[in-house]
Amino acid sequence: MIPNDPVMLLSFVNLKLRDYYKSLEALCDDLDVDQAELVSRLETIDYHYNAEQNRFV
């Protein structure tokens, strides 16, 4: 289960990307999360995925 709060979600996702996953797609596939929905939720707090850094910035 992923956090509902966008700020907590940001922390959760960036930690997972840093420690366990090589890409956002891999994270979403493994956790069975809709990638477009995840990106949209983090855009509400003005964070966007940076593939080169493999994190939301």
C-alpha atoms as a PDB file:
ATOM      1  CA  MET A   1       0.000   0.000   0.000  1.00  0.00           C
ATOM      2  CA  ILE A   2       1.346   3.414  -0.933  1.00  0.00           C
ATOM      3  CA  PRO A   3       0.699   6.594   1.077  1.00  0.00           C
ATOM      4  CA  ASN A   4      -2.272   8.788   0.151  1.00  0.00           C
ATOM      5  CA  ASP A   5      -0.768  12.073   1.293  1.00  0.00           C
ATOM      6  CA  PRO A   6       1.233  13.558  -1.636  1.00  0.00           C
ATOM      7  CA  VAL A   7       4.194  14.621   0.532  1.00  0.00           C
ATOM      8  CA  MET A   8       4.437  11.202   2.163  1.00  0.00           C
ATOM      9  CA  LEU A   9       4.021   9.625  -1.271  1.00  0.00           C
ATOM     10  CA  LEU A  10       6.934  11.689  -2.583  1.00  0.00           C
ATOM     11  CA  SER A  11       9.192  10.503   0.217  1.00  0.00           C
ATOM     12  CA  PHE A  12       8.073   6.886  -0.192  1.00  0.00           C
ATOM     13  CA  VAL A  13       8.526   6.834  -3.971  1.00  0.00           C
ATOM     14  CA  ASN A  14      11.906   8.574  -3.989  1.00  0.00           C
ATOM     15  CA  LEU A  15      13.196   6.196  -1.317  1.00  0.00           C
ATOM     16  CA  LYS A  16      12.016   3.171  -3.305  1.00  0.00           C
ATOM     17  CA  LEU A  17      13.506   4.563  -6.521  1.00  0.00           C
ATOM     18  CA  ARG A  18      16.820   5.262  -4.825  1.00  0.00           C
ATOM     19  CA  ASP A  19      17.136   1.937  -3.019  1.00  0.00           C
ATOM     20  CA  TYR A  20      15.239  -0.656  -5.047  1.00  0.00           C
ATOM     21  CA  TYR A  21      14.181   0.323  -8.569  1.00  0.00           C
ATOM     22  CA  LYS A  22      16.046   1.412 -11.687  1.00  0.00           C
ATOM     23  CA  SER A  23      13.048   3.252 -13.124  1.00  0.00           C
ATOM     24  CA  LEU A  24       9.598   4.568 -12.327  1.00  0.00           C
ATOM     25  CA  GLU A  25       8.131   1.970 -14.670  1.00  0.00           C
ATOM     26  CA  ALA A  26       9.810  -0.850 -12.727  1.00  0.00           C
ATOM     27  CA  LEU A  27       8.480   0.521  -9.430  1.00  0.00           C
ATOM     28  CA  CYS A  28       4.936   0.840 -10.758  1.00  0.00           C
ATOM     29  CA  ASP A  29       4.990  -2.621 -12.321  1.00  0.00           C
ATOM     30  CA  ASP A  30       6.269  -4.259  -9.147  1.00  0.00           C
ATOM     31  CA  LEU A  31       3.912  -2.397  -6.797  1.00  0.00           C
ATOM     32  CA  ASP A  32       0.969  -2.671  -9.228  1.00  0.00           C
ATOM     33  CA  VAL A  33       0.475   1.109  -9.259  1.00  0.00           C
ATOM     34  CA  ASP A  34      -0.938   3.133 -12.149  1.00  0.00           C
ATOM     35  CA  GLN A  35       2.032   5.209 -13.313  1.00  0.00           C
ATOM     36  CA  ALA A  36      -0.062   8.037 -14.786  1.00  0.00           C
ATOM     37  CA  GLU A  37      -2.035   8.365 -11.544  1.00  0.00           C
ATOM     38  CA  LEU A  38       1.132   8.391  -9.446  1.00  0.00           C
ATOM     39  CA  VAL A  39       2.724  11.067 -11.625  1.00  0.00           C
ATOM     40  CA  SER A  40      -0.482  13.105 -11.524  1.00  0.00           C
ATOM     41  CA  ARG A  41      -0.676  12.944  -7.724  1.00  0.00           C
ATOM     42  CA  LEU A  42       2.898  14.177  -7.368  1.00  0.00           C
ATOM     43  CA  GLU A  43       2.337  16.931  -9.908  1.00  0.00           C
ATOM     44  CA  THR A  44      -0.247  18.384  -7.495  1.00  0.00           C
ATOM     45  CA  ILE A  45       2.672  19.353  -5.256  1.00  0.00           C
ATOM     46  CA  ASP A  46       4.804  20.440  -8.250  1.00  0.00           C
ATOM     47  CA  TYR A  47       7.107  17.400  -8.422  1.00  0.00           C
ATOM     48  CA  HIS A  48       7.974  15.776 -11.726  1.00  0.00           C
ATOM     49  CA  TYR A  49       9.844  12.582 -12.536  1.00  0.00           C
ATOM     50  CA  ASN A  50      13.400  13.041 -13.774  1.00  0.00           C
ATOM     51  CA  ALA A  51      14.521   9.845 -15.525  1.00  0.00           C
ATOM     52  CA  GLU A  52      18.216  10.805 -15.487  1.00  0.00           C
ATOM     53  CA  GLN A  53      18.166  11.174 -11.702  1.00  0.00           C
ATOM     54  CA  ASN A  54      15.521   8.450 -11.271  1.00  0.00           C
ATOM     55  CA  ARG A  55      13.576  10.532  -8.783  1.00  0.00           C
ATOM     56  CA  PHE A  56      10.887  13.153  -8.471  1.00  0.00           C
ATOM     57  CA  VAL A  57      12.300  16.667  -8.300  1.00  0.00           C
END
